[in-house]
Protein backbone atom coordinates (compact mmCIF):
# COMPACT_ATOMS: atom_id res chain seq x y z
CA UNK A 1 -89.05 -142.18 183.69
CA UNK A 2 -87.48 -145.38 184.97
CA UNK A 3 -87.86 -144.06 188.53
CA UNK A 4 -91.57 -143.47 187.93
CA UNK A 5 -92.04 -146.94 186.45
CA UNK A 6 -90.18 -148.51 189.38
CA UNK A 7 -92.42 -146.67 191.85
CA UNK A 8 -95.52 -147.82 189.97
CA UNK A 9 -94.34 -151.42 190.25
CA UNK A 10 -94.04 -151.00 194.03
CA UNK A 11 -97.53 -149.57 194.56
CA UNK A 12 -99.31 -152.93 195.19
CA UNK A 13 -97.12 -153.57 198.23
CA UNK A 14 -98.07 -150.28 199.93
CA UNK A 15 -100.62 -149.44 202.63
CA UNK A 16 -101.91 -145.89 203.19
CA UNK A 17 -103.89 -144.50 206.11
CA UNK A 18 -106.63 -142.07 205.04
CA UNK A 19 -108.62 -139.94 207.50
CA UNK A 20 -111.33 -137.55 206.42
CA UNK A 21 -114.91 -136.66 205.55
CA UNK A 22 -116.76 -139.66 204.11
CA UNK A 23 -119.85 -139.26 201.95
CA UNK A 24 -122.23 -141.26 199.79
CA UNK A 25 -122.28 -140.03 196.18
CA UNK A 26 -125.41 -140.73 194.17
CA UNK A 27 -125.76 -139.94 190.46
CA UNK A 28 -128.98 -139.87 188.47
CA UNK A 29 -128.34 -139.79 184.71
CA UNK A 30 -131.03 -138.83 182.23
CA UNK A 31 -132.10 -136.76 179.28
CA UNK A 32 -133.62 -133.29 179.34
CA UNK A 33 -136.25 -132.69 176.68
CA UNK A 34 -138.56 -130.08 178.16
CA UNK A 35 -139.11 -127.54 180.93
CA UNK A 36 -141.44 -128.35 183.81
CA UNK A 37 -144.90 -126.70 183.60
CA UNK A 38 -144.87 -126.20 187.38
CA UNK A 39 -141.58 -124.25 187.50
CA UNK A 40 -138.86 -123.07 185.09
CA UNK A 41 -136.63 -126.09 185.68
CA UNK A 42 -135.67 -128.93 183.32
CA UNK A 43 -137.50 -132.23 183.48
CA UNK A 44 -135.08 -135.18 183.59
CA UNK A 45 -136.13 -138.47 182.02
CA UNK A 46 -134.11 -140.85 184.22
CA UNK A 47 -132.06 -143.47 182.35
CA UNK A 48 -129.90 -144.95 185.10
CA UNK A 49 -128.62 -144.41 188.64
CA UNK A 50 -125.23 -145.01 190.28
CA UNK A 51 -124.16 -145.00 193.92
CA UNK A 52 -120.49 -144.66 194.84
CA UNK A 53 -118.22 -143.93 197.80
CA UNK A 54 -117.37 -140.23 197.81
CA UNK A 55 -115.32 -137.64 199.63
CA UNK A 56 -112.36 -139.01 201.54
CA UNK A 57 -113.72 -142.49 200.90
CA UNK A 58 -112.98 -142.03 197.21
CA UNK A 59 -109.31 -141.63 198.12
CA UNK A 60 -109.47 -145.08 199.72
CA UNK A 61 -111.20 -146.51 196.64
CA UNK A 62 -108.51 -145.08 194.36
CA UNK A 63 -105.80 -146.61 196.53
CA UNK A 64 -107.55 -149.99 196.38
CA UNK A 65 -108.11 -149.83 192.61
CA UNK A 66 -104.40 -149.13 192.17
CA UNK A 67 -103.76 -152.47 193.86
CA UNK A 68 -102.59 -151.15 197.23
CA UNK A 69 -104.26 -151.32 200.65
CA UNK A 70 -105.92 -148.53 202.62
CA UNK A 71 -106.90 -148.18 206.24
CA UNK A 72 -109.74 -145.68 206.19
CA UNK A 73 -110.97 -143.81 209.26
CA UNK A 74 -114.13 -141.74 208.91
CA UNK A 75 -117.48 -140.96 210.50
CA UNK A 76 -120.99 -142.10 209.53
CA UNK A 77 -124.39 -141.68 211.03
CA UNK A 78 -126.55 -144.44 212.44
CA UNK A 79 -128.59 -144.69 209.24
CA UNK A 80 -129.14 -146.54 205.97
CA UNK A 81 -126.62 -144.42 204.05
CA UNK A 82 -123.92 -145.38 206.54
CA UNK A 83 -124.73 -149.06 206.09
CA UNK A 84 -124.62 -148.63 202.31
CA UNK A 85 -121.10 -147.26 202.63
CA UNK A 86 -119.98 -150.19 204.82
CA UNK A 87 -121.29 -152.61 202.20
CA UNK A 88 -119.63 -150.68 199.38
CA UNK A 89 -116.22 -150.74 201.09
CA UNK A 90 -116.53 -154.51 201.49
CA UNK A 91 -116.62 -154.91 197.70
CA UNK A 92 -112.94 -153.97 197.47
CA UNK A 93 -111.85 -157.52 198.36
CA UNK A 94 -110.22 -156.60 201.64
CA UNK A 95 -108.05 -153.81 200.20
CA UNK A 96 -109.96 -151.20 202.22
CA UNK A 97 -110.05 -151.65 205.99
CA UNK A 98 -112.89 -149.24 206.80
CA UNK A 99 -112.86 -148.27 210.47
CA UNK A 100 -116.01 -146.18 210.60
CA UNK A 101 -116.89 -144.31 213.76
CA UNK A 102 -120.65 -143.88 214.30
CA UNK A 103 -121.92 -140.49 215.41
CA UNK A 104 -125.65 -140.96 216.16
CA UNK A 105 -126.17 -137.19 216.32
CA UNK A 106 -125.44 -136.54 212.64
CA UNK A 107 -126.55 -138.06 209.32
CA UNK A 108 -124.16 -139.78 206.96
CA UNK A 109 -123.20 -137.17 204.38
CA UNK A 110 -125.08 -137.81 201.13
CA UNK A 111 -124.86 -135.94 197.83
CA UNK A 112 -127.37 -136.54 195.05
CA UNK A 113 -126.44 -135.23 191.58
CA UNK A 114 -128.67 -135.06 188.50
CA UNK A 115 -126.56 -135.27 185.36
CA UNK A 116 -127.31 -134.98 181.64
CA UNK A 117 -126.52 -138.40 180.15
CA UNK A 118 -125.61 -136.96 176.76
CA UNK A 119 -123.59 -133.91 177.75
CA UNK A 120 -122.30 -135.01 181.21
CA UNK A 121 -123.49 -131.63 182.54
CA UNK A 122 -124.45 -131.46 186.22
CA UNK A 123 -127.96 -130.00 186.41
CA UNK A 124 -128.76 -130.12 190.12
CA UNK A 125 -127.28 -131.33 193.41
CA UNK A 126 -128.99 -132.03 196.73
CA UNK A 127 -126.97 -132.50 199.96
CA UNK A 128 -127.80 -134.13 203.29
CA UNK A 129 -125.21 -133.18 205.88
CA UNK A 130 -124.40 -131.54 209.16
CA UNK A 131 -121.17 -129.59 208.58
CA UNK A 132 -120.09 -129.08 212.18
CA UNK A 133 -117.08 -130.30 214.20
CA UNK A 134 -117.51 -133.78 215.64
CA UNK A 135 -117.70 -133.90 219.46
CA UNK A 136 -114.68 -134.68 221.62
CA UNK A 137 -115.72 -138.30 222.16
CA UNK A 138 -115.74 -138.91 218.40
CA UNK A 139 -112.34 -137.20 218.12
CA UNK A 140 -111.02 -139.63 220.71
CA UNK A 141 -112.30 -142.62 218.74
CA UNK A 142 -110.76 -141.32 215.50
CA UNK A 143 -107.35 -140.78 217.10
CA UNK A 144 -107.50 -144.19 218.76
CA UNK A 145 -107.99 -145.81 215.34
CA UNK A 146 -105.10 -143.75 213.95
CA UNK A 147 -102.82 -144.94 216.78
CA UNK A 148 -103.56 -148.57 215.89
CA UNK A 149 -103.05 -148.14 212.13
CA UNK A 150 -100.05 -145.80 211.88
CA UNK A 151 -97.17 -148.24 212.55
CA UNK A 152 -98.12 -150.41 209.56
CA UNK A 153 -98.67 -147.78 206.84
CA UNK A 154 -96.29 -146.09 204.43
CA UNK A 155 -98.07 -142.73 204.18
CA UNK A 156 -101.02 -140.78 205.57
CA UNK A 157 -103.70 -138.76 203.77
CA UNK A 158 -105.85 -136.11 205.44
CA UNK A 159 -108.78 -135.51 203.09
CA UNK A 160 -110.55 -132.40 204.35
CA UNK A 161 -113.97 -131.47 202.97
CA UNK A 162 -114.69 -129.14 205.90
CA UNK A 163 -117.57 -131.31 207.12
CA UNK A 164 -116.31 -131.64 210.69
CA UNK A 165 -114.24 -134.83 210.91
CA UNK A 166 -110.84 -133.14 210.56
CA UNK A 167 -111.08 -130.81 213.54
CA UNK A 168 -107.91 -128.91 214.53
CA UNK A 169 -107.36 -131.42 217.34
CA UNK A 170 -107.64 -134.40 214.98
CA UNK A 171 -105.41 -132.79 212.33
CA UNK A 172 -102.72 -131.80 214.81
CA UNK A 173 -102.90 -135.20 216.49
CA UNK A 174 -102.50 -137.16 213.25
CA UNK A 175 -99.63 -135.02 211.95
CA UNK A 176 -97.76 -135.18 215.26
CA UNK A 177 -98.15 -138.95 215.52
CA UNK A 178 -97.10 -139.48 211.87
CA UNK A 179 -94.01 -137.27 212.22
CA UNK A 180 -92.91 -139.21 215.27
CA UNK A 181 -92.96 -142.40 213.19
CA UNK A 182 -91.44 -140.79 210.08
CA UNK A 183 -94.56 -141.21 207.93
CA UNK A 184 -95.22 -138.66 205.14
CA UNK A 185 -98.52 -136.78 205.50
CA UNK A 186 -100.37 -135.51 202.41
CA UNK A 187 -103.15 -132.99 203.03
CA UNK A 188 -106.01 -132.13 200.68
CA UNK A 189 -106.97 -128.88 202.42
CA UNK A 190 -110.09 -126.79 202.91
CA UNK A 191 -110.49 -123.28 204.26
CA UNK A 192 -108.21 -120.24 204.31
CA UNK A 193 -106.07 -121.07 207.33
CA UNK A 194 -103.39 -123.59 206.43
CA UNK A 195 -101.72 -123.13 209.82
CA UNK A 196 -103.80 -126.03 211.13
CA UNK A 197 -101.84 -128.31 208.75
CA UNK A 198 -98.46 -127.15 210.05
CA UNK A 199 -95.78 -129.81 209.69
CA UNK A 200 -97.51 -131.81 206.94
CA UNK A 201 -95.18 -133.21 204.29
CA UNK A 202 -97.21 -132.08 201.26
CA UNK A 203 -100.28 -129.83 200.98
CA UNK A 204 -102.35 -129.88 197.76
CA UNK A 205 -104.64 -126.83 197.36
CA UNK A 206 -106.33 -126.02 194.08
CA UNK A 207 -105.96 -122.60 192.51
CA UNK A 208 -109.02 -121.15 194.24
CA UNK A 209 -107.97 -122.46 197.66
CA UNK A 210 -104.45 -121.09 197.21
CA UNK A 211 -105.80 -117.67 196.25
CA UNK A 212 -108.12 -117.52 199.24
CA UNK A 213 -105.43 -118.69 201.67
CA UNK A 214 -102.78 -116.30 200.30
CA UNK A 215 -105.27 -113.41 199.89
CA UNK A 216 -103.80 -112.36 196.57
CA UNK A 217 -104.81 -112.57 192.89
CA UNK A 218 -103.15 -115.41 191.02
CA UNK A 219 -102.76 -114.03 187.52
CA UNK A 220 -100.03 -116.33 186.19
CA UNK A 221 -97.66 -119.15 187.07
CA UNK A 222 -95.12 -116.78 188.63
CA UNK A 223 -97.62 -115.37 191.13
CA UNK A 224 -98.91 -118.89 191.83
CA UNK A 225 -95.35 -120.03 192.56
CA UNK A 226 -94.75 -117.06 194.88
CA UNK A 227 -97.98 -117.66 196.79
CA UNK A 228 -97.22 -121.38 197.01
CA UNK A 229 -93.81 -120.72 198.54
CA UNK A 230 -95.24 -118.28 201.09
CA UNK A 231 -97.85 -120.77 202.23
CA UNK A 232 -95.36 -123.64 202.23
CA UNK A 233 -93.14 -121.71 204.62
CA UNK A 234 -96.04 -120.63 206.80
CA UNK A 235 -97.26 -124.23 207.06
CA UNK A 236 -93.71 -125.55 207.57
CA UNK A 237 -94.32 -128.23 204.95
CA UNK A 238 -91.72 -129.86 202.72
CA UNK A 239 -93.64 -129.05 199.56
CA UNK A 240 -96.85 -127.54 198.26
CA UNK A 241 -98.55 -128.75 195.08
CA UNK A 242 -101.18 -126.58 193.38
CA UNK A 243 -103.72 -128.26 191.09
CA UNK A 244 -104.63 -125.95 188.22
CA UNK A 245 -107.41 -127.84 186.42
CA UNK A 246 -106.83 -127.56 182.64
CA UNK A 247 -103.45 -125.87 183.27
CA UNK A 248 -101.99 -128.91 185.03
CA UNK A 249 -100.07 -128.71 188.32
CA UNK A 250 -97.36 -126.62 189.95
CA UNK A 251 -94.98 -127.97 192.60
CA UNK A 252 -93.04 -125.76 195.01
CA UNK A 253 -90.55 -127.77 197.01
CA UNK A 254 -88.36 -126.30 199.77
CA UNK A 255 -85.07 -125.03 198.37
CA UNK A 256 -85.97 -125.73 194.74
CA UNK A 257 -87.49 -123.71 191.89
CA UNK A 258 -91.14 -124.26 191.06
CA UNK A 259 -91.94 -127.04 188.59
CA UNK A 260 -95.00 -126.85 186.33
CA UNK A 261 -96.45 -129.75 184.34
CA UNK A 262 -99.27 -129.09 181.86
CA UNK A 263 -102.46 -131.14 181.88
CA UNK A 264 -102.69 -133.94 179.35
CA UNK A 265 -105.06 -133.21 176.44
CA UNK A 266 -108.16 -135.28 177.20
CA UNK A 267 -111.90 -135.09 176.70
CA UNK A 268 -113.27 -134.02 180.09
CA UNK A 269 -116.50 -135.79 181.04
CA UNK A 270 -116.69 -135.24 184.80
CA UNK A 271 -114.27 -133.72 187.32
CA UNK A 272 -116.08 -135.15 190.37
CA UNK A 273 -113.54 -136.73 192.69
CA UNK A 274 -110.47 -135.96 190.53
CA UNK A 275 -108.76 -134.35 193.53
CA UNK A 276 -109.23 -137.59 195.49
CA UNK A 277 -107.40 -139.49 192.77
CA UNK A 278 -104.57 -136.96 192.84
CA UNK A 279 -103.92 -137.28 196.58
CA UNK A 280 -104.24 -141.08 196.45
CA UNK A 281 -101.52 -141.32 193.80
CA UNK A 282 -99.33 -138.77 195.58
CA UNK A 283 -99.56 -140.75 198.81
CA UNK A 284 -98.73 -144.05 197.14
CA UNK A 285 -95.80 -142.60 195.24
CA UNK A 286 -94.36 -141.01 198.38
CA UNK A 287 -94.90 -144.28 200.24
CA UNK A 288 -92.61 -145.94 197.65
CA UNK A 289 -89.97 -143.26 198.42
CA UNK A 290 -90.49 -141.50 195.07
CA UNK A 291 -89.53 -137.83 194.88
CA UNK A 292 -92.09 -135.01 194.86
CA UNK A 293 -91.71 -134.30 191.14
CA UNK A 294 -92.14 -137.95 190.14
CA UNK A 295 -95.18 -138.14 192.40
CA UNK A 296 -96.66 -135.01 190.80
CA UNK A 297 -96.19 -136.35 187.28
CA UNK A 298 -97.92 -139.61 188.21
CA UNK A 299 -100.78 -137.73 189.89
CA UNK A 300 -101.17 -135.46 186.87
CA UNK A 301 -101.46 -138.50 184.61
CA UNK A 302 -104.00 -140.11 186.95
CA UNK A 303 -106.13 -136.96 186.90
CA UNK A 304 -106.18 -137.07 183.10
CA UNK A 305 -107.60 -140.60 183.26
CA UNK A 306 -110.39 -139.99 185.78
CA UNK A 307 -111.73 -136.74 184.30
CA UNK A 308 -112.42 -138.76 181.15
CA UNK A 309 -114.84 -140.95 183.12
CA UNK A 310 -118.33 -140.29 184.40
CA UNK A 311 -119.13 -139.87 188.08
CA UNK A 312 -116.80 -140.36 191.03
CA UNK A 313 -114.18 -142.49 189.31
CA UNK A 314 -110.95 -144.33 190.10
CA UNK A 315 -107.82 -145.21 188.12
CA UNK A 316 -105.97 -148.52 187.76
CA UNK A 317 -102.21 -149.02 187.50
CA UNK A 318 -102.60 -150.12 183.89
CA UNK A 319 -104.55 -146.96 183.02
CA UNK A 320 -101.97 -144.87 184.84
CA UNK A 321 -99.09 -146.52 183.01
CA UNK A 322 -100.76 -146.06 179.63
CA UNK A 323 -101.21 -142.33 180.33
CA UNK A 324 -97.79 -141.76 181.90
CA UNK A 325 -95.28 -143.86 180.01
CA UNK A 326 -94.15 -143.48 176.39
CA UNK A 327 -95.76 -145.69 173.77
CA UNK A 328 -92.63 -147.79 173.37
CA UNK A 329 -92.88 -148.84 177.02
CA UNK A 330 -96.56 -149.71 176.90
CA UNK A 331 -96.48 -152.70 174.54
CA UNK A 332 -100.00 -154.14 174.59
CA UNK A 333 -101.44 -152.17 177.53
CA UNK A 334 -103.61 -150.06 175.24
CA UNK A 335 -105.75 -153.16 174.84
CA UNK A 336 -106.64 -153.38 178.55
CA UNK A 337 -109.78 -151.61 179.79
CA UNK A 338 -111.20 -151.43 183.32
CA UNK A 339 -113.80 -148.72 182.63
CA UNK A 340 -116.71 -150.32 180.80
CA UNK A 341 -117.94 -146.95 179.50
CA UNK A 342 -114.66 -146.52 177.62
CA UNK A 343 -114.90 -150.12 176.46
CA UNK A 344 -118.33 -149.35 175.04
CA UNK A 345 -116.92 -146.45 173.06
CA UNK A 346 -114.16 -148.59 171.53
CA UNK A 347 -116.63 -151.30 170.54
CA UNK A 348 -119.10 -148.74 169.18
CA UNK A 349 -116.36 -147.37 166.91
CA UNK A 350 -115.68 -150.87 165.56
CA UNK A 351 -119.38 -151.49 165.04
CA UNK A 352 -119.69 -148.21 163.14
CA UNK A 353 -117.10 -149.61 160.71
CA UNK A 354 -119.30 -152.66 160.15
CA UNK A 355 -116.96 -155.00 162.02
CA UNK A 356 -118.18 -158.25 163.60
CA UNK A 357 -117.62 -158.21 167.38
CA UNK A 358 -116.74 -161.43 169.20
CA UNK A 359 -116.63 -162.09 172.94
CA UNK A 360 -115.21 -164.81 175.16
CA UNK A 361 -114.27 -164.84 178.82
CA UNK A 362 -112.33 -166.63 181.52
CA UNK A 363 -109.93 -166.43 184.44
CA UNK A 364 -106.81 -167.23 182.36
CA UNK A 365 -104.77 -167.78 185.50
CA UNK A 366 -101.92 -169.68 183.83
CA UNK A 367 -102.04 -169.34 180.05
CA UNK A 368 -101.64 -172.71 178.30
CA UNK A 369 -102.15 -174.16 174.78
CA UNK A 370 -105.84 -174.76 175.46
CA UNK A 371 -106.37 -171.07 176.07
CA UNK A 372 -104.34 -170.08 173.01
CA UNK A 373 -106.33 -172.38 170.73
CA UNK A 374 -109.69 -171.11 171.98
CA UNK A 375 -108.58 -167.49 171.62
CA UNK A 376 -107.14 -167.94 168.14
CA UNK A 377 -110.25 -169.76 166.92
CA UNK A 378 -112.46 -167.20 168.62
CA UNK A 379 -110.65 -164.45 166.70
CA UNK A 380 -111.18 -166.39 163.47
CA UNK A 381 -114.95 -166.19 164.07
CA UNK A 382 -115.03 -162.39 164.24
CA UNK A 383 -113.30 -159.18 163.16
CA UNK A 384 -112.52 -157.94 166.67
CA UNK A 385 -112.28 -160.10 169.80
CA UNK A 386 -113.06 -158.79 173.30
CA UNK A 387 -111.93 -161.04 176.16
CA UNK A 388 -113.74 -160.69 179.49
CA UNK A 389 -111.30 -161.31 182.36
CA UNK A 390 -112.44 -162.16 185.89
CA UNK A 391 -111.03 -159.84 188.57
CA UNK A 392 -108.95 -161.28 191.41
CA UNK A 393 -111.93 -161.26 193.77
CA UNK A 394 -114.09 -163.00 191.19
CA UNK A 395 -111.47 -165.71 190.57
CA UNK A 396 -111.14 -166.32 194.29
CA UNK A 397 -114.90 -166.81 194.64
CA UNK A 398 -115.01 -169.19 191.67
CA UNK A 399 -111.81 -171.15 192.19
CA UNK A 400 -111.27 -170.97 195.96
CA UNK A 401 -108.43 -169.94 198.26
CA UNK A 402 -105.03 -169.80 196.64
CA UNK A 403 -106.38 -168.56 193.32
CA UNK A 404 -105.61 -166.65 191.26
CA UNK A 405 -101.96 -167.63 191.02
CA UNK A 406 -101.30 -164.40 189.10
CA UNK A 407 -103.00 -161.09 189.85
CA UNK A 408 -105.27 -159.36 187.37
CA UNK A 409 -102.54 -157.03 186.07
CA UNK A 410 -100.28 -159.97 185.16
CA UNK A 411 -103.14 -161.95 183.61
CA UNK A 412 -104.34 -158.97 181.57
CA UNK A 413 -100.79 -158.22 180.38
CA UNK A 414 -100.30 -161.74 179.06
CA UNK A 415 -103.67 -161.82 177.30
CA UNK A 416 -103.17 -158.41 175.71
CA UNK A 417 -99.83 -159.52 174.29
CA UNK A 418 -101.62 -162.11 172.11
CA UNK A 419 -102.26 -161.06 168.53
CA UNK A 420 -105.67 -162.76 168.59
CA UNK A 421 -106.92 -160.48 171.39
CA UNK A 422 -108.13 -156.97 170.51
CA UNK A 423 -109.40 -155.86 173.93
CA UNK A 424 -109.28 -157.20 177.51
CA UNK A 425 -112.19 -156.12 179.72
CA UNK A 426 -111.88 -156.79 183.46
CA UNK A 427 -115.15 -157.51 185.28
CA UNK A 428 -115.85 -157.90 189.00
CA UNK A 429 -118.92 -160.16 188.92
CA UNK A 430 -118.86 -163.97 188.94
CA UNK A 431 -120.19 -164.10 185.38
CA UNK A 432 -119.82 -161.72 182.41
CA UNK A 433 -123.57 -161.40 181.81
CA UNK A 434 -123.70 -157.63 182.46
CA UNK A 435 -120.69 -157.11 180.22
CA UNK A 436 -122.34 -159.13 177.47
CA UNK A 437 -125.53 -157.09 177.78
CA UNK A 438 -123.51 -153.88 177.49
CA UNK A 439 -121.37 -154.99 174.53
CA UNK A 440 -124.02 -156.93 172.56
CA UNK A 441 -121.43 -159.01 170.67
CA UNK A 442 -122.31 -160.54 167.31
CA UNK A 443 -120.75 -163.84 168.34
CA UNK A 444 -120.19 -165.46 171.74
CA UNK A 445 -117.36 -168.02 171.82
CA UNK A 446 -116.60 -170.72 174.42
CA UNK A 447 -114.79 -174.06 174.57
CA UNK A 448 -116.57 -177.25 173.50
CA UNK A 449 -116.66 -178.49 177.13
CA UNK A 450 -119.82 -176.37 177.37
CA UNK A 451 -123.17 -176.93 175.69
CA UNK A 452 -124.74 -173.91 174.03
CA UNK A 453 -127.41 -173.70 176.73
CA UNK A 454 -124.65 -173.63 179.42
CA UNK A 455 -122.88 -170.62 177.96
CA UNK A 456 -123.55 -167.50 180.03
CA UNK A 457 -125.31 -164.94 177.85
CA UNK A 458 -126.39 -167.35 175.10
CA UNK A 459 -130.01 -166.23 175.42
CA UNK A 460 -129.07 -162.55 175.38
CA UNK A 461 -127.02 -162.91 172.20
CA UNK A 462 -129.72 -165.00 170.52
CA UNK A 463 -132.37 -162.37 171.33
CA UNK A 464 -130.87 -159.88 168.87
CA UNK A 465 -129.75 -162.37 166.21
CA UNK A 466 -126.23 -163.15 167.40
CA UNK A 467 -124.75 -166.63 167.58
CA UNK A 468 -122.84 -168.89 169.96
CA UNK A 469 -119.75 -170.69 168.63
CA UNK A 470 -118.14 -173.61 170.45
CA UNK A 471 -114.50 -174.38 169.58
CA UNK A 472 -112.61 -177.62 170.14
CA UNK A 473 -110.16 -177.80 173.04
CA UNK A 474 -106.65 -179.17 173.23
CA UNK A 475 -106.90 -182.43 175.24
CA UNK A 476 -104.88 -182.69 178.43
CA UNK A 477 -104.36 -178.98 179.01
CA UNK A 478 -105.91 -177.22 182.00
CA UNK A 479 -104.79 -174.80 184.69
CA UNK A 480 -105.77 -177.24 187.44
CA UNK A 481 -103.79 -180.00 185.75
CA UNK A 482 -100.71 -177.80 185.56
CA UNK A 483 -101.02 -176.88 189.23
CA UNK A 484 -101.46 -180.51 190.25
CA UNK A 485 -98.27 -181.47 188.42
CA UNK A 486 -96.44 -178.70 190.25
CA UNK A 487 -97.94 -179.77 193.59
CA UNK A 488 -99.52 -176.34 194.05
CA UNK A 489 -103.15 -177.01 193.23
CA UNK A 490 -105.28 -175.30 195.91
CA UNK A 491 -108.50 -176.82 197.12
CA UNK A 492 -111.52 -175.20 195.58
CA UNK A 493 -113.53 -173.70 198.40
CA UNK A 494 -117.18 -173.39 197.56
CA UNK A 495 -118.58 -171.69 194.49
CA UNK A 496 -120.14 -173.25 191.41
CA UNK A 497 -118.45 -176.01 189.46
CA UNK A 498 -116.31 -174.55 186.69
CA UNK A 499 -114.78 -176.63 183.87
CA UNK A 500 -111.03 -176.81 184.28
CA UNK A 501 -110.05 -176.73 180.62
CA UNK A 502 -111.69 -173.36 179.98
CA UNK A 503 -111.71 -170.68 181.19
CA UNK A 504 -109.07 -171.74 183.78
């Protein structure tokens, strides 16, 4: 377990190259209350829509959310969907270097899913794609990007959705180049012929893909292990990992007996993109020099996290640690939430008990007595206190270059260790207004260096009968003041003026 925890601590320093089929995932959530009079299909009353990066791009997003960096090479069309994907990658604060090759002869792959809001059931999917091998000129551009990126990465992922980007020439070229430089290659395969992936370090078929490739029924773990070893040898890979959905995962490593880990007991909401999370974690763990079994256990834990979320989801290091490590090692990490849907569930449970929900927010870059006083007095004004914490990208926009001093994981850890704090919710925007609208706290708390009308969300809270509470500050304590004394205060570059005493 210590080896796993050590590898997790090394993840933020890693860079992974990912090559594969990129797509735009769109989700329309709604309620079904009747059948259409025109045809025997359900009518969906739309409640909300989400657009996310899908396919191989979701591998890159998972790598970025885990705090590492990803160089992503994929293909888009010369269209609006392709531009949407470029913009979406840019939101990852530089952690994803998206090197997108434009093929004007094909559309950007787009998948539109209609999902029941209440049951998380997928009702209908519409696809826009041209699933054909990319032309030789596009292959050349892909391999040229790989040549530039490979020397600086710790591992390579080939994410194959059989849409035409990973042609045999591209696959063979990437594997050969990576082996020359000693870089591990993890393949999420498609199709029945694994020979194209010959020489890859680790291949990760699911049960169905393994059965089709081995051309045999897979009745139990023993037959799965036998088929896995046959394909591992045929593909000349170091190991083969089979994902088994609710049965967990099975690893067959060269020269070692098969290892099976069961799936963690979780409420499954949506399995979209779970395989992308698995290969992202596997790649990062192998990049840290972790063994195959440790990498599998981390990936299994990550899968348990993302299938509990809606849509094409990602996992953070904190979520992964809370799933993977024993309770004694977690300390206060159960308080930290990145997924606002899960946050909503926790708050709804408190509200059902008749508890008064309080909310405050800030950057909390270097925790000082001013912060502690505001948080303790905020907790005194409510039964449960939720603290909104600006993400690293948000702090940088607000405070300028050189901030934050501590990354979001460190800042969240320190906040969650305080008895006054019941939950820490990380948000990406410059202000917590969307978080406030979602949580609908009974009381909104800020330091007395604000007026009530300056507090973000004061009007929202007032609209449903909530209140704003201003608490006195400790004079002479601010993050900027501490940094000035240490001679490390960075210049604030742009952005709105933010009081230095809170949220700091």
